[in-house]
Amino acid sequence: MAATSTMWVLGKNYYGADIGKTVDIYAAAFPDMHREVYDFYVEGDVVVVELKLNGTHKGGLTLPAGTIVPTGKEIHAPCCDVFT
């Protein structure tokens, strides 16, 4: 099973190898980032993982509109990953 190679983050689409760049950007901004997995759903060749991203904003978060300086605040962002 291969992961879908498109990611959308704050108004910008990332494709292929660029998806790894977003992981690096968020890892730098939230060095203690961890995932809390809630559930898995499978339908045919599609797998959906329901989770929450948790971390503390300790580094600069570089976005297309500019960089957000560290705030020291925690994030708890519910999301899902879809694999085909």
C-alpha atoms as a PDB file:
ATOM      1  CA  MET A   1       0.000   0.000   0.000  1.00  0.00           C
ATOM      2  CA  ALA A   2       1.517   3.359  -1.039  1.00  0.00           C
ATOM      3  CA  ALA A   3       0.751   6.681   0.605  1.00  0.00           C
ATOM      4  CA  THR A   4      -1.046   9.289  -1.466  1.00  0.00           C
ATOM      5  CA  SER A   5       1.541  11.837  -2.581  1.00  0.00           C
ATOM      6  CA  THR A   6      -0.344  15.092  -2.006  1.00  0.00           C
ATOM      7  CA  MET A   7      -0.528  17.162   1.183  1.00  0.00           C
ATOM      8  CA  TRP A   8      -2.390  20.421   1.848  1.00  0.00           C
ATOM      9  CA  VAL A   9      -1.079  22.686   4.605  1.00  0.00           C
ATOM     10  CA  LEU A  10      -2.447  26.172   5.277  1.00  0.00           C
ATOM     11  CA  GLY A  11      -3.408  27.013   1.715  1.00  0.00           C
ATOM     12  CA  LYS A  12      -0.508  25.341  -0.076  1.00  0.00           C
ATOM     13  CA  ASN A  13      -0.392  21.941  -1.770  1.00  0.00           C
ATOM     14  CA  TYR A  14       2.714  19.772  -1.474  1.00  0.00           C
ATOM     15  CA  TYR A  15       3.484  16.860  -3.801  1.00  0.00           C
ATOM     16  CA  GLY A  16       5.905  13.922  -3.826  1.00  0.00           C
ATOM     17  CA  ALA A  17       9.251  14.633  -2.156  1.00  0.00           C
ATOM     18  CA  ASP A  18       8.053  18.070  -0.977  1.00  0.00           C
ATOM     19  CA  ILE A  19       5.772  16.322   1.540  1.00  0.00           C
ATOM     20  CA  GLY A  20       8.895  15.450   3.552  1.00  0.00           C
ATOM     21  CA  LYS A  21       9.720  19.175   3.759  1.00  0.00           C
ATOM     22  CA  THR A  22       6.487  19.847   5.666  1.00  0.00           C
ATOM     23  CA  VAL A  23       7.381  17.110   8.148  1.00  0.00           C
ATOM     24  CA  ASP A  24      10.789  18.764   8.671  1.00  0.00           C
ATOM     25  CA  ILE A  25       9.197  22.220   9.104  1.00  0.00           C
ATOM     26  CA  TYR A  26       6.783  21.003  11.782  1.00  0.00           C
ATOM     27  CA  ALA A  27       9.453  18.881  13.498  1.00  0.00           C
ATOM     28  CA  ALA A  28      11.614  22.010  13.849  1.00  0.00           C
ATOM     29  CA  ALA A  29       8.724  24.075  15.230  1.00  0.00           C
ATOM     30  CA  PHE A  30       7.339  21.327  17.501  1.00  0.00           C
ATOM     31  CA  PRO A  31      10.336  19.151  18.483  1.00  0.00           C
ATOM     32  CA  ASP A  32       8.240  17.128  20.951  1.00  0.00           C
ATOM     33  CA  MET A  33       5.506  16.418  18.354  1.00  0.00           C
ATOM     34  CA  HIS A  34       3.756  13.108  18.883  1.00  0.00           C
ATOM     35  CA  ARG A  35       0.667  11.449  17.486  1.00  0.00           C
ATOM     36  CA  GLU A  36      -2.242  10.119  19.475  1.00  0.00           C
ATOM     37  CA  VAL A  37      -4.004   7.491  17.320  1.00  0.00           C
ATOM     38  CA  TYR A  38      -7.755   7.109  17.839  1.00  0.00           C
ATOM     39  CA  ASP A  39      -8.953   4.702  15.166  1.00  0.00           C
ATOM     40  CA  PHE A  40      -8.324   3.003  11.827  1.00  0.00           C
ATOM     41  CA  TYR A  41     -10.902   2.581   9.065  1.00  0.00           C
ATOM     42  CA  VAL A  42     -10.432   0.272   6.085  1.00  0.00           C
ATOM     43  CA  GLU A  43     -12.583   0.166   2.963  1.00  0.00           C
ATOM     44  CA  GLY A  44     -11.186  -1.752   0.004  1.00  0.00           C
ATOM     45  CA  ASP A  45      -7.713  -0.367  -0.721  1.00  0.00           C
ATOM     46  CA  VAL A  46      -8.220   2.795   1.379  1.00  0.00           C
ATOM     47  CA  VAL A  47      -7.037   3.143   4.993  1.00  0.00           C
ATOM     48  CA  VAL A  48      -7.967   6.183   7.096  1.00  0.00           C
ATOM     49  CA  VAL A  49      -6.158   6.852  10.372  1.00  0.00           C
ATOM     50  CA  GLU A  50      -7.927   9.175  12.818  1.00  0.00           C
ATOM     51  CA  LEU A  51      -5.411  10.886  15.115  1.00  0.00           C
ATOM     52  CA  LYS A  52      -4.380  14.021  16.962  1.00  0.00           C
ATOM     53  CA  LEU A  53      -1.040  15.844  16.632  1.00  0.00           C
ATOM     54  CA  ASN A  54       0.300  17.108  19.969  1.00  0.00           C
ATOM     55  CA  GLY A  55       3.358  19.252  20.613  1.00  0.00           C
ATOM     56  CA  THR A  56       4.835  22.439  22.037  1.00  0.00           C
ATOM     57  CA  HIS A  57       5.768  25.385  19.785  1.00  0.00           C
ATOM     58  CA  LYS A  58       9.477  25.704  20.627  1.00  0.00           C
ATOM     59  CA  GLY A  59      10.955  26.635  17.222  1.00  0.00           C
ATOM     60  CA  GLY A  60      10.120  28.932  14.319  1.00  0.00           C
ATOM     61  CA  LEU A  61       7.197  27.687  12.198  1.00  0.00           C
ATOM     62  CA  THR A  62       8.006  28.560   8.584  1.00  0.00           C
ATOM     63  CA  LEU A  63       4.872  28.934   6.451  1.00  0.00           C
ATOM     64  CA  PRO A  64       4.276  30.309   2.925  1.00  0.00           C
ATOM     65  CA  ALA A  65       3.141  33.631   4.472  1.00  0.00           C
ATOM     66  CA  GLY A  66       6.164  33.932   6.792  1.00  0.00           C
ATOM     67  CA  THR A  67       7.616  32.494   9.991  1.00  0.00           C
ATOM     68  CA  ILE A  68       5.760  32.362  13.308  1.00  0.00           C
ATOM     69  CA  VAL A  69       8.160  32.829  16.215  1.00  0.00           C
ATOM     70  CA  PRO A  70       7.983  30.250  19.040  1.00  0.00           C
ATOM     71  CA  THR A  71       5.137  30.854  21.478  1.00  0.00           C
ATOM     72  CA  GLY A  72       5.750  28.034  23.958  1.00  0.00           C
ATOM     73  CA  LYS A  73       2.078  27.078  23.567  1.00  0.00           C
ATOM     74  CA  GLU A  74       0.843  23.523  23.051  1.00  0.00           C
ATOM     75  CA  ILE A  75      -1.120  22.302  20.056  1.00  0.00           C
ATOM     76  CA  HIS A  76      -3.637  19.483  20.023  1.00  0.00           C
ATOM     77  CA  ALA A  77      -4.755  19.227  16.400  1.00  0.00           C
ATOM     78  CA  PRO A  78      -7.229  16.508  15.397  1.00  0.00           C
ATOM     79  CA  CYS A  79      -6.655  15.251  11.863  1.00  0.00           C
ATOM     80  CA  CYS A  80      -6.673  12.180   9.644  1.00  0.00           C
ATOM     81  CA  ASP A  81      -4.303  10.491   7.228  1.00  0.00           C
ATOM     82  CA  VAL A  82      -5.653   8.727   4.128  1.00  0.00           C
ATOM     83  CA  PHE A  83      -3.649   5.990   2.410  1.00  0.00           C
ATOM     84  CA  THR A  84      -4.501   4.241  -0.861  1.00  0.00           C
END
